[in-house]
């Protein structure tokens, strides 16, 4: 979507806002196409560097950082958790389970952490990994292994929950993790069978309880 990039372009070049916003959107699309084909990660800063270079726009570091901040601030009101996330995570922690977060993103860690803190979720996770800090994105093994190391758990004892069959379920299953797919009709399908399928996060509690009882 171009709206966020229009905000960034207003900071970078008010007199060329529409043109620069289109360059930013094109650079972002190019980044996502690259991550899809090569699984190499990217950062928001890289998107801006590529776009301003393509537009022949010399930008100093301060203005560059201000544009990123404006872009991220634009998305803050639209970045919110599922309605049942806090209750489910709290209950899983009460049961003694360790919780981790792994996100495919070009946004910086600091911004994600601020949003999680705002919504009261930050401290519910024992580890948080963002692919903007890594060389590769999901479903590459590096992303999942980084989280597993941070959690200090083996893949065979872990359950990965995600709403993307290719990125989340196939990547985690390839490492031997048990997987749960949160139904999402807006993402591409993949030839992979999750161990569990849920619609609401609250359903995860019953699923985990059943698995624990069978072990």
Protein backbone atom coordinates (compact mmCIF):
# COMPACT_ATOMS: atom_id res chain seq x y z
CA UNK A 1 0.00 0.00 0.00
CA UNK A 2 1.24 3.44 -0.89
CA UNK A 3 -0.29 5.46 1.97
CA UNK A 4 2.62 4.91 4.35
CA UNK A 5 5.13 5.71 1.66
CA UNK A 6 3.32 8.97 0.88
CA UNK A 7 3.96 9.98 4.50
CA UNK A 8 7.65 9.09 4.16
CA UNK A 9 7.90 10.88 0.82
CA UNK A 10 6.46 14.04 2.37
CA UNK A 11 9.46 14.05 4.71
CA UNK A 12 12.00 13.23 2.02
CA UNK A 13 10.85 15.49 -0.80
CA UNK A 14 7.60 17.44 -0.32
CA UNK A 15 7.81 18.88 -3.82
CA UNK A 16 8.10 15.37 -5.33
CA UNK A 17 5.89 13.47 -2.90
CA UNK A 18 3.88 11.38 -5.39
CA UNK A 19 6.93 10.47 -7.47
CA UNK A 20 9.06 9.48 -4.48
CA UNK A 21 6.20 7.53 -2.90
CA UNK A 22 5.88 5.48 -6.08
CA UNK A 23 9.62 4.84 -6.01
CA UNK A 24 9.38 3.68 -2.39
CA UNK A 25 6.47 1.36 -3.17
CA UNK A 26 8.35 -0.08 -6.15
CA UNK A 27 11.44 -0.63 -4.00
CA UNK A 28 9.37 -2.41 -1.36
CA UNK A 29 7.77 -4.69 -3.95
CA UNK A 30 11.19 -5.49 -5.35
CA UNK A 31 12.39 -6.39 -1.85
CA UNK A 32 9.46 -8.74 -1.24
CA UNK A 33 9.94 -10.37 -4.64
CA UNK A 34 13.56 -10.97 -3.72
CA UNK A 35 12.69 -12.46 -0.35
CA UNK A 36 10.21 -14.77 -2.04
CA UNK A 37 12.68 -16.02 -4.63
CA UNK A 38 15.88 -16.10 -2.56
CA UNK A 39 14.64 -15.93 1.08
CA UNK A 40 17.14 -13.13 1.69
CA UNK A 41 15.84 -10.66 4.26
CA UNK A 42 15.67 -6.87 4.01
CA UNK A 43 15.21 -3.75 6.11
CA UNK A 44 13.06 -0.65 5.80
CA UNK A 45 16.29 1.34 5.58
CA UNK A 46 17.25 -0.69 2.51
CA UNK A 47 13.92 0.11 0.88
CA UNK A 48 14.52 3.82 1.40
CA UNK A 49 18.11 3.68 0.16
CA UNK A 50 17.08 1.84 -3.01
CA UNK A 51 14.16 4.17 -3.69
CA UNK A 52 16.01 7.42 -3.14
CA UNK A 53 18.88 6.20 -5.31
CA UNK A 54 16.44 5.27 -8.09
CA UNK A 55 14.81 8.70 -7.82
CA UNK A 56 18.18 10.48 -7.84
CA UNK A 57 17.37 11.98 -4.47
CA UNK A 58 20.35 12.69 -2.18
CA UNK A 59 19.18 12.21 1.40
CA UNK A 60 21.19 12.76 4.57
CA UNK A 61 21.02 10.27 7.42
CA UNK A 62 18.84 12.43 9.66
CA UNK A 63 16.20 12.95 6.98
CA UNK A 64 16.40 9.27 6.12
CA UNK A 65 15.72 8.30 9.74
CA UNK A 66 12.90 10.85 10.01
CA UNK A 67 11.23 9.36 6.93
CA UNK A 68 11.39 5.85 8.38
CA UNK A 69 9.92 7.11 11.66
CA UNK A 70 7.07 8.83 9.83
CA UNK A 71 6.36 5.70 7.79
CA UNK A 72 6.25 3.47 10.86
CA UNK A 73 4.16 5.94 12.84
CA UNK A 74 1.62 5.86 10.02
CA UNK A 75 1.20 2.11 10.52
CA UNK A 76 0.98 2.18 14.32
CA UNK A 77 -2.84 2.52 14.53
CA UNK A 78 -3.30 -0.38 12.10
CA UNK A 79 -0.84 -2.68 13.89
CA UNK A 80 -2.74 -4.50 16.60
CA UNK A 81 -2.90 -8.06 17.96
CA UNK A 82 -5.74 -10.55 17.70
CA UNK A 83 -8.41 -9.87 20.29
CA UNK A 84 -7.62 -13.07 22.20
CA UNK A 85 -3.83 -12.91 21.99
CA UNK A 86 -3.08 -11.53 25.45
CA UNK A 87 -5.38 -13.95 27.29
CA UNK A 88 -4.08 -16.98 25.40
CA UNK A 89 -0.42 -16.07 25.84
CA UNK A 90 -0.97 -15.36 29.52
CA UNK A 91 -2.62 -18.75 30.05
CA UNK A 92 0.12 -20.60 28.18
CA UNK A 93 2.72 -18.94 30.37
CA UNK A 94 0.69 -19.82 33.45
CA UNK A 95 0.94 -23.44 32.35
CA UNK A 96 4.72 -23.14 32.37
CA UNK A 97 5.29 -23.04 28.62
CA UNK A 98 8.02 -20.91 27.07
CA UNK A 99 6.82 -18.57 24.33
CA UNK A 100 8.67 -17.13 21.36
CA UNK A 101 7.87 -14.83 18.46
CA UNK A 102 9.28 -15.06 14.91
CA UNK A 103 8.24 -12.44 12.37
CA UNK A 104 9.00 -12.00 8.67
CA UNK A 105 9.45 -8.24 8.46
CA UNK A 106 11.58 -5.47 7.02
CA UNK A 107 10.53 -3.15 9.85
CA UNK A 108 13.13 -2.60 12.61
CA UNK A 109 13.12 -4.52 15.88
CA UNK A 110 12.68 -1.35 17.93
CA UNK A 111 9.37 -0.53 16.30
CA UNK A 112 7.94 -4.02 16.78
CA UNK A 113 9.02 -3.99 20.41
CA UNK A 114 7.28 -0.66 20.98
CA UNK A 115 4.03 -1.97 19.53
CA UNK A 116 4.21 -5.17 21.59
CA UNK A 117 4.87 -3.13 24.73
CA UNK A 118 1.97 -0.80 23.90
CA UNK A 119 -0.38 -3.78 23.69
CA UNK A 120 0.93 -5.46 26.84
CA UNK A 121 2.46 -8.40 24.97
CA UNK A 122 6.19 -7.74 25.06
CA UNK A 123 7.00 -9.47 28.35
CA UNK A 124 4.81 -12.47 27.53
CA UNK A 125 7.47 -13.71 25.08
CA UNK A 126 10.70 -15.29 26.29
CA UNK A 127 12.35 -14.55 22.95
CA UNK A 128 11.49 -12.37 19.97
CA UNK A 129 13.16 -12.71 16.56
CA UNK A 130 12.63 -10.43 13.56
CA UNK A 131 13.98 -11.30 10.14
CA UNK A 132 15.07 -7.68 9.60
CA UNK A 133 17.91 -8.67 11.97
CA UNK A 134 18.73 -11.86 10.04
CA UNK A 135 20.14 -12.85 6.68
CA UNK A 136 17.11 -14.94 5.72
CA UNK A 137 13.35 -15.00 6.19
CA UNK A 138 10.93 -17.84 6.87
CA UNK A 139 10.68 -20.58 5.67
CA UNK A 140 14.51 -20.65 5.67
CA UNK A 141 15.90 -22.78 8.49
CA UNK A 142 18.04 -19.91 9.78
CA UNK A 143 14.97 -18.00 10.95
CA UNK A 144 13.51 -20.92 12.91
CA UNK A 145 16.86 -22.05 14.30
CA UNK A 146 17.59 -18.55 15.57
CA UNK A 147 14.36 -18.63 17.54
CA UNK A 148 14.96 -22.15 18.84
CA UNK A 149 18.42 -21.18 20.08
CA UNK A 150 17.06 -18.09 21.76
CA UNK A 151 14.37 -20.22 23.42
CA UNK A 152 16.88 -22.93 24.33
CA UNK A 153 14.55 -25.66 23.10
CA UNK A 154 14.83 -28.46 20.54
CA UNK A 155 12.68 -28.45 17.42
CA UNK A 156 11.16 -31.79 18.40
CA UNK A 157 9.74 -30.28 21.59
CA UNK A 158 8.45 -27.08 20.00
CA UNK A 159 5.08 -26.11 18.53
CA UNK A 160 5.02 -23.39 15.88
CA UNK A 161 1.81 -21.43 15.35
CA UNK A 162 1.35 -19.29 12.24
CA UNK A 163 -1.17 -18.18 9.64
CA UNK A 164 0.93 -18.87 6.53
CA UNK A 165 1.14 -22.43 5.29
CA UNK A 166 4.31 -21.90 3.25
CA UNK A 167 6.31 -19.49 5.41
CA UNK A 168 5.25 -20.79 8.82
CA UNK A 169 3.99 -24.35 8.63
CA UNK A 170 6.27 -25.79 5.95
CA UNK A 171 9.39 -24.13 7.37
CA UNK A 172 8.74 -25.29 10.92
CA UNK A 173 7.69 -28.79 9.88
CA UNK A 174 10.90 -29.21 7.87
CA UNK A 175 12.84 -28.89 11.12
CA UNK A 176 10.67 -31.39 12.95
CA UNK A 177 8.51 -28.92 14.84
CA UNK A 178 4.85 -29.63 15.52
CA UNK A 179 2.76 -27.05 13.64
CA UNK A 180 -0.55 -25.25 14.02
CA UNK A 181 -2.11 -23.27 11.20
CA UNK A 182 -4.31 -20.30 12.11
CA UNK A 183 -6.77 -20.20 9.21
CA UNK A 184 -6.07 -17.36 6.81
CA UNK A 185 -7.92 -17.23 3.50
CA UNK A 186 -5.93 -14.26 2.25
CA UNK A 187 -2.56 -15.97 1.81
CA UNK A 188 -1.42 -18.53 -0.78
CA UNK A 189 -2.02 -22.21 -0.13
CA UNK A 190 0.81 -24.73 0.16
CA UNK A 191 1.11 -28.49 -0.07
CA UNK A 192 1.72 -29.07 3.61
CA UNK A 193 -0.41 -30.63 6.35
CA UNK A 194 -0.27 -28.86 9.74
CA UNK A 195 -0.66 -30.94 12.89
CA UNK A 196 -3.50 -28.72 14.00
CA UNK A 197 -5.82 -26.12 12.46
CA UNK A 198 -7.54 -23.36 14.43
CA UNK A 199 -9.60 -20.28 13.66
CA UNK A 200 -9.29 -18.42 16.96
CA UNK A 201 -6.23 -18.43 19.21
CA UNK A 202 -8.35 -19.63 22.14
CA UNK A 203 -8.63 -22.98 20.34
CA UNK A 204 -4.89 -23.40 20.81
CA UNK A 205 -5.34 -23.95 24.54
CA UNK A 206 -7.48 -27.06 24.03
CA UNK A 207 -5.14 -28.34 21.34
CA UNK A 208 -2.05 -27.99 23.53
CA UNK A 209 -3.83 -29.60 26.48
CA UNK A 210 -4.80 -32.58 24.32
CA UNK A 211 -1.26 -33.02 23.04
CA UNK A 212 0.21 -32.79 26.52
CA UNK A 213 -2.23 -35.42 27.78
CA UNK A 214 -1.23 -37.84 25.02
CA UNK A 215 2.51 -37.62 25.77
